[in-house]
PDB file of N, CA and C in Angstrom:
ATOM      1  N   MET A   1       0.850  -1.169   0.000  1.00  0.00           N
ATOM      2  CA  MET A   1       0.000   0.000   0.000  1.00  0.00           C
ATOM      3  C   MET A   1       0.893   1.229   0.000  1.00  0.00           C
ATOM      4  N   PRO A   2       0.917   1.966  -1.080  1.00  0.00           N
ATOM      5  CA  PRO A   2       1.716   3.196  -1.097  1.00  0.00           C
ATOM      6  C   PRO A   2       1.002   4.343  -0.384  1.00  0.00           C
ATOM      7  N   ILE A   3       1.543   4.739   0.745  1.00  0.00           N
ATOM      8  CA  ILE A   3       1.021   5.890   1.497  1.00  0.00           C
ATOM      9  C   ILE A   3       2.072   6.993   1.434  1.00  0.00           C
ATOM     10  N   THR A   4       1.643   8.180   1.069  1.00  0.00           N
ATOM     11  CA  THR A   4       2.533   9.331   0.987  1.00  0.00           C
ATOM     12  C   THR A   4       2.264  10.246   2.174  1.00  0.00           C
ATOM     13  N   LEU A   5       3.325  10.640   2.866  1.00  0.00           N
ATOM     14  CA  LEU A   5       3.193  11.584   3.978  1.00  0.00           C
ATOM     15  C   LEU A   5       3.639  12.962   3.512  1.00  0.00           C
ATOM     16  N   GLU A   6       2.835  13.957   3.817  1.00  0.00           N
ATOM     17  CA  GLU A   6       3.179  15.347   3.506  1.00  0.00           C
ATOM     18  C   GLU A   6       3.135  16.168   4.781  1.00  0.00           C
ATOM     19  N   TYR A   7       4.056  17.108   4.888  1.00  0.00           N
ATOM     20  CA  TYR A   7       4.179  17.991   6.044  1.00  0.00           C
ATOM     21  C   TYR A   7       3.950  19.425   5.573  1.00  0.00           C
ATOM     22  N   PRO A   8       2.697  19.906   5.579  1.00  0.00           N
ATOM     23  CA  PRO A   8       2.400  21.235   5.019  1.00  0.00           C
ATOM     24  C   PRO A   8       3.103  22.394   5.724  1.00  0.00           C
ATOM     25  N   ASP A   9       3.410  22.255   7.015  1.00  0.00           N
ATOM     26  CA  ASP A   9       4.068  23.337   7.754  1.00  0.00           C
ATOM     27  C   ASP A   9       5.532  23.051   8.039  1.00  0.00           C
ATOM     28  N   GLY A  10       6.100  22.015   7.424  1.00  0.00           N
ATOM     29  CA  GLY A  10       7.488  21.633   7.666  1.00  0.00           C
ATOM     30  C   GLY A  10       7.586  20.498   8.675  1.00  0.00           C
ATOM     31  N   LYS A  11       8.760  19.859   8.743  1.00  0.00           N
ATOM     32  CA  LYS A  11       8.962  18.675   9.580  1.00  0.00           C
ATOM     33  C   LYS A  11       9.581  18.969  10.939  1.00  0.00           C
ATOM     34  N   ASN A  12      10.140  20.135  11.146  1.00  0.00           N
ATOM     35  CA  ASN A  12      10.932  20.402  12.340  1.00  0.00           C
ATOM     36  C   ASN A  12      10.102  20.850  13.529  1.00  0.00           C
ATOM     37  N   LEU A  13      10.446  20.322  14.701  1.00  0.00           N
ATOM     38  CA  LEU A  13       9.888  20.762  15.978  1.00  0.00           C
ATOM     39  C   LEU A  13      10.925  21.612  16.689  1.00  0.00           C
ATOM     40  N   GLY A  14      10.491  22.384  17.651  1.00  0.00           N
ATOM     41  CA  GLY A  14      11.427  23.194  18.407  1.00  0.00           C
ATOM     42  C   GLY A  14      10.753  23.788  19.628  1.00  0.00           C
ATOM     43  N   VAL A  15      11.415  24.765  20.228  1.00  0.00           N
ATOM     44  CA  VAL A  15      10.886  25.404  21.428  1.00  0.00           C
ATOM     45  C   VAL A  15       9.588  26.148  21.116  1.00  0.00           C
ATOM     46  N   THR A  16       9.521  26.774  19.962  1.00  0.00           N
ATOM     47  CA  THR A  16       8.337  27.552  19.609  1.00  0.00           C
ATOM     48  C   THR A  16       7.305  26.758  18.811  1.00  0.00           C
ATOM     49  N   LYS A  17       7.633  25.532  18.430  1.00  0.00           N
ATOM     50  CA  LYS A  17       6.725  24.713  17.624  1.00  0.00           C
ATOM     51  C   LYS A  17       6.617  23.327  18.247  1.00  0.00           C
ATOM     52  N   ALA A  18       5.484  23.059  18.915  1.00  0.00           N
ATOM     53  CA  ALA A  18       5.307  21.803  19.643  1.00  0.00           C
ATOM     54  C   ALA A  18       4.573  20.731  18.839  1.00  0.00           C
ATOM     55  N   LYS A  19       3.980  21.098  17.695  1.00  0.00           N
ATOM     56  CA  LYS A  19       3.205  20.149  16.894  1.00  0.00           C
ATOM     57  C   LYS A  19       3.651  20.191  15.443  1.00  0.00           C
ATOM     58  N   VAL A  20       3.469  19.066  14.756  1.00  0.00           N
ATOM     59  CA  VAL A  20       3.729  18.987  13.326  1.00  0.00           C
ATOM     60  C   VAL A  20       2.485  18.411  12.660  1.00  0.00           C
ATOM     61  N   LYS A  21       1.946  19.118  11.681  1.00  0.00           N
ATOM     62  CA  LYS A  21       0.796  18.636  10.937  1.00  0.00           C
ATOM     63  C   LYS A  21       1.281  17.655   9.866  1.00  0.00           C
ATOM     64  N   VAL A  22       0.652  16.468   9.825  1.00  0.00           N
ATOM     65  CA  VAL A  22       1.024  15.436   8.860  1.00  0.00           C
ATOM     66  C   VAL A  22      -0.233  15.012   8.105  1.00  0.00           C
ATOM     67  N   GLU A  23      -0.144  14.977   6.786  1.00  0.00           N
ATOM     68  CA  GLU A  23      -1.238  14.499   5.954  1.00  0.00           C
ATOM     69  C   GLU A  23      -0.810  13.187   5.307  1.00  0.00           C
ATOM     70  N   ALA A  24      -1.592  12.129   5.532  1.00  0.00           N
ATOM     71  CA  ALA A  24      -1.342  10.829   4.915  1.00  0.00           C
ATOM     72  C   ALA A  24      -2.277  10.690   3.725  1.00  0.00           C
ATOM     73  N   LYS A  25      -1.713  10.441   2.552  1.00  0.00           N
ATOM     74  CA  LYS A  25      -2.504  10.335   1.336  1.00  0.00           C
ATOM     75  C   LYS A  25      -2.239   9.003   0.654  1.00  0.00           C
ATOM     76  N   PHE A  26      -3.288   8.456   0.026  1.00  0.00           N
ATOM     77  CA  PHE A  26      -3.129   7.226  -0.739  1.00  0.00           C
ATOM     78  C   PHE A  26      -4.176   7.177  -1.831  1.00  0.00           C
ATOM     79  N   LYS A  27      -3.917   6.365  -2.828  1.00  0.00           N
ATOM     80  CA  LYS A  27      -4.933   6.043  -3.828  1.00  0.00           C
ATOM     81  C   LYS A  27      -4.700   4.608  -4.267  1.00  0.00           C
ATOM     82  N   PHE A  28      -5.787   3.961  -4.597  1.00  0.00           N
ATOM     83  CA  PHE A  28      -5.717   2.562  -4.968  1.00  0.00           C
ATOM     84  C   PHE A  28      -6.734   2.310  -6.065  1.00  0.00           C
ATOM     85  N   SER A  29      -6.495   1.358  -6.934  1.00  0.00           N
ATOM     86  CA  SER A  29      -7.340   1.156  -8.106  1.00  0.00           C
ATOM     87  C   SER A  29      -8.587   0.309  -7.843  1.00  0.00           C
ATOM     88  N   VAL A  30      -8.678  -0.326  -6.678  1.00  0.00           N
ATOM     89  CA  VAL A  30      -9.852  -1.136  -6.338  1.00  0.00           C
ATOM     90  C   VAL A  30     -10.391  -0.686  -4.987  1.00  0.00           C
ATOM     91  N   PRO A  31     -11.651  -0.994  -4.668  1.00  0.00           N
ATOM     92  CA  PRO A  31     -12.188  -0.651  -3.348  1.00  0.00           C
ATOM     93  C   PRO A  31     -11.354  -1.291  -2.240  1.00  0.00           C
ATOM     94  N   LEU A  32     -11.091  -0.516  -1.185  1.00  0.00           N
ATOM     95  CA  LEU A  32     -10.162  -0.982  -0.164  1.00  0.00           C
ATOM     96  C   LEU A  32     -10.405  -0.232   1.134  1.00  0.00           C
ATOM     97  N   SER A  33     -10.285  -0.936   2.248  1.00  0.00           N
ATOM     98  CA  SER A  33     -10.250  -0.319   3.577  1.00  0.00           C
ATOM     99  C   SER A  33      -9.043  -0.880   4.302  1.00  0.00           C
ATOM    100  N   PHE A  34      -8.381  -0.060   5.104  1.00  0.00           N
ATOM    101  CA  PHE A  34      -7.192  -0.531   5.801  1.00  0.00           C
ATOM    102  C   PHE A  34      -6.998   0.226   7.109  1.00  0.00           C
ATOM    103  N   THR A  35      -6.256  -0.387   7.995  1.00  0.00           N
ATOM    104  CA  THR A  35      -5.738   0.249   9.199  1.00  0.00           C
ATOM    105  C   THR A  35      -4.273  -0.153   9.306  1.00  0.00           C
ATOM    106  N   THR A  36      -3.419   0.816   9.557  1.00  0.00           N
ATOM    107  CA  THR A  36      -1.990   0.550   9.683  1.00  0.00           C
ATOM    108  C   THR A  36      -1.403   1.528  10.692  1.00  0.00           C
ATOM    109  N   PHE A  37      -0.126   1.462  10.893  1.00  0.00           N
ATOM    110  CA  PHE A  37       0.564   2.348  11.822  1.00  0.00           C
ATOM    111  C   PHE A  37       1.644   3.124  11.088  1.00  0.00           C
ATOM    112  N   ILE A  38       1.820   4.372  11.477  1.00  0.00           N
ATOM    113  CA  ILE A  38       2.933   5.188  10.999  1.00  0.00           C
ATOM    114  C   ILE A  38       3.881   5.363  12.174  1.00  0.00           C
ATOM    115  N   ASP A  39       5.146   5.047  11.957  1.00  0.00           N
ATOM    116  CA  ASP A  39       6.165   5.178  12.998  1.00  0.00           C
ATOM    117  C   ASP A  39       6.959   6.461  12.796  1.00  0.00           C
ATOM    118  N   PHE A  40       7.033   7.265  13.839  1.00  0.00           N
ATOM    119  CA  PHE A  40       7.873   8.453  13.855  1.00  0.00           C
ATOM    120  C   PHE A  40       9.018   8.185  14.824  1.00  0.00           C
ATOM    121  N   ILE A  41      10.245   8.483  14.420  1.00  0.00           N
ATOM    122  CA  ILE A  41      11.424   8.235  15.252  1.00  0.00           C
ATOM    123  C   ILE A  41      12.128   9.564  15.482  1.00  0.00           C
ATOM    124  N   ASP A  42      12.395   9.886  16.763  1.00  0.00           N
ATOM    125  CA  ASP A  42      13.052  11.158  17.077  1.00  0.00           C
ATOM    126  C   ASP A  42      14.573  11.016  17.018  1.00  0.00           C
ATOM    127  N   ASP A  43      15.271  12.106  17.325  1.00  0.00           N
ATOM    128  CA  ASP A  43      16.733  12.122  17.256  1.00  0.00           C
ATOM    129  C   ASP A  43      17.394  11.172  18.248  1.00  0.00           C
ATOM    130  N   GLU A  44      16.686  10.826  19.316  1.00  0.00           N
ATOM    131  CA  GLU A  44      17.228   9.923  20.325  1.00  0.00           C
ATOM    132  C   GLU A  44      16.892   8.462  20.036  1.00  0.00           C
ATOM    133  N   GLY A  45      16.212   8.199  18.930  1.00  0.00           N
ATOM    134  CA  GLY A  45      15.864   6.842  18.551  1.00  0.00           C
ATOM    135  C   GLY A  45      14.571   6.327  19.154  1.00  0.00           C
ATOM    136  N   LYS A  46      13.811   7.182  19.836  1.00  0.00           N
ATOM    137  CA  LYS A  46      12.529   6.768  20.398  1.00  0.00           C
ATOM    138  C   LYS A  46      11.484   6.719  19.291  1.00  0.00           C
ATOM    139  N   LYS A  47      10.681   5.644  19.294  1.00  0.00           N
ATOM    140  CA  LYS A  47       9.672   5.447  18.260  1.00  0.00           C
ATOM    141  C   LYS A  47       8.295   5.803  18.804  1.00  0.00           C
ATOM    142  N   PHE A  48       7.542   6.569  18.011  1.00  0.00           N
ATOM    143  CA  PHE A  48       6.180   6.944  18.336  1.00  0.00           C
ATOM    144  C   PHE A  48       5.287   6.400  17.233  1.00  0.00           C
ATOM    145  N   GLN A  49       4.334   5.562  17.608  1.00  0.00           N
ATOM    146  CA  GLN A  49       3.493   4.883  16.635  1.00  0.00           C
ATOM    147  C   GLN A  49       2.078   5.464  16.667  1.00  0.00           C
ATOM    148  N   ILE A  50       1.561   5.836  15.494  1.00  0.00           N
ATOM    149  CA  ILE A  50       0.231   6.421  15.388  1.00  0.00           C
ATOM    150  C   ILE A  50      -0.593   5.578  14.407  1.00  0.00           C
ATOM    151  N   PRO A  51      -1.772   5.099  14.830  1.00  0.00           N
ATOM    152  CA  PRO A  51      -2.610   4.321  13.910  1.00  0.00           C
ATOM    153  C   PRO A  51      -3.368   5.236  12.949  1.00  0.00           C
ATOM    154  N   ILE A  52      -3.499   4.798  11.703  1.00  0.00           N
ATOM    155  CA  ILE A  52      -4.324   5.509  10.722  1.00  0.00           C
ATOM    156  C   ILE A  52      -5.221   4.491  10.020  1.00  0.00           C
ATOM    157  N   SER A  53      -6.363   4.960   9.537  1.00  0.00           N
ATOM    158  CA  SER A  53      -7.290   4.129   8.776  1.00  0.00           C
ATOM    159  C   SER A  53      -7.706   4.890   7.531  1.00  0.00           C
ATOM    160  N   GLY A  54      -8.003   4.151   6.470  1.00  0.00           N
ATOM    161  CA  GLY A  54      -8.443   4.777   5.232  1.00  0.00           C
ATOM    162  C   GLY A  54      -9.395   3.873   4.483  1.00  0.00           C
ATOM    163  N   THR A  55     -10.208   4.474   3.639  1.00  0.00           N
ATOM    164  CA  THR A  55     -11.173   3.735   2.827  1.00  0.00           C
ATOM    165  C   THR A  55     -11.291   4.397   1.468  1.00  0.00           C
ATOM    166  N   THR A  56     -11.387   3.591   0.439  1.00  0.00           N
ATOM    167  CA  THR A  56     -11.716   4.079  -0.889  1.00  0.00           C
ATOM    168  C   THR A  56     -12.701   3.106  -1.530  1.00  0.00           C
ATOM    169  N   ASP A  57     -13.657   3.644  -2.245  1.00  0.00           N
ATOM    170  CA  ASP A  57     -14.585   2.761  -2.942  1.00  0.00           C
ATOM    171  C   ASP A  57     -14.576   3.012  -4.450  1.00  0.00           C
ATOM    172  N   ASN A  58     -13.782   3.970  -4.887  1.00  0.00           N
ATOM    173  CA  ASN A  58     -13.608   4.294  -6.310  1.00  0.00           C
ATOM    174  C   ASN A  58     -14.920   4.643  -7.002  1.00  0.00           C
ATOM    175  N   SER A  59     -15.789   5.299  -6.304  1.00  0.00           N
ATOM    176  CA  SER A  59     -17.044   5.747  -6.882  1.00  0.00           C
ATOM    177  C   SER A  59     -16.896   7.194  -7.326  1.00  0.00           C
ATOM    178  N   ILE A  60     -17.479   7.552  -8.421  1.00  0.00           N
ATOM    179  CA  ILE A  60     -17.437   8.936  -8.910  1.00  0.00           C
ATOM    180  C   ILE A  60     -18.087   9.891  -7.914  1.00  0.00           C
ATOM    181  N   PHE A  61     -19.067   9.392  -7.144  1.00  0.00           N
ATOM    182  CA  PHE A  61     -19.765  10.243  -6.177  1.00  0.00           C
ATOM    183  C   PHE A  61     -18.897  10.622  -4.982  1.00  0.00           C
ATOM    184  N   THR A  62     -17.941   9.797  -4.618  1.00  0.00           N
ATOM    185  CA  THR A  62     -17.086  10.121  -3.466  1.00  0.00           C
ATOM    186  C   THR A  62     -15.914  11.022  -3.858  1.00  0.00           C
ATOM    187  N   ASN A  63     -15.736  11.292  -5.116  1.00  0.00           N
ATOM    188  CA  ASN A  63     -14.656  12.158  -5.567  1.00  0.00           C
ATOM    189  C   ASN A  63     -15.028  13.630  -5.525  1.00  0.00           C
ATOM    190  N   PHE A  64     -16.270  13.952  -5.238  1.00  0.00           N
ATOM    191  CA  PHE A  64     -16.703  15.341  -5.207  1.00  0.00           C
ATOM    192  C   PHE A  64     -16.878  15.835  -3.800  1.00  0.00           C
TER     193      PHE A  64
END
């Protein structure tokens, strides 16, 4: 499953920026539902796992 992650406000955290907005995008040629995990790893090697779910039914009505 190809999932693309985009960071509209940038990837870096700091003293003045405590959150990072992440958009997970995918497309698939057949109807599909899934749940998976995205792993984020910090500079110290700590892993943070966030579950995501997605659904596509490839209907023209859901594209609007």
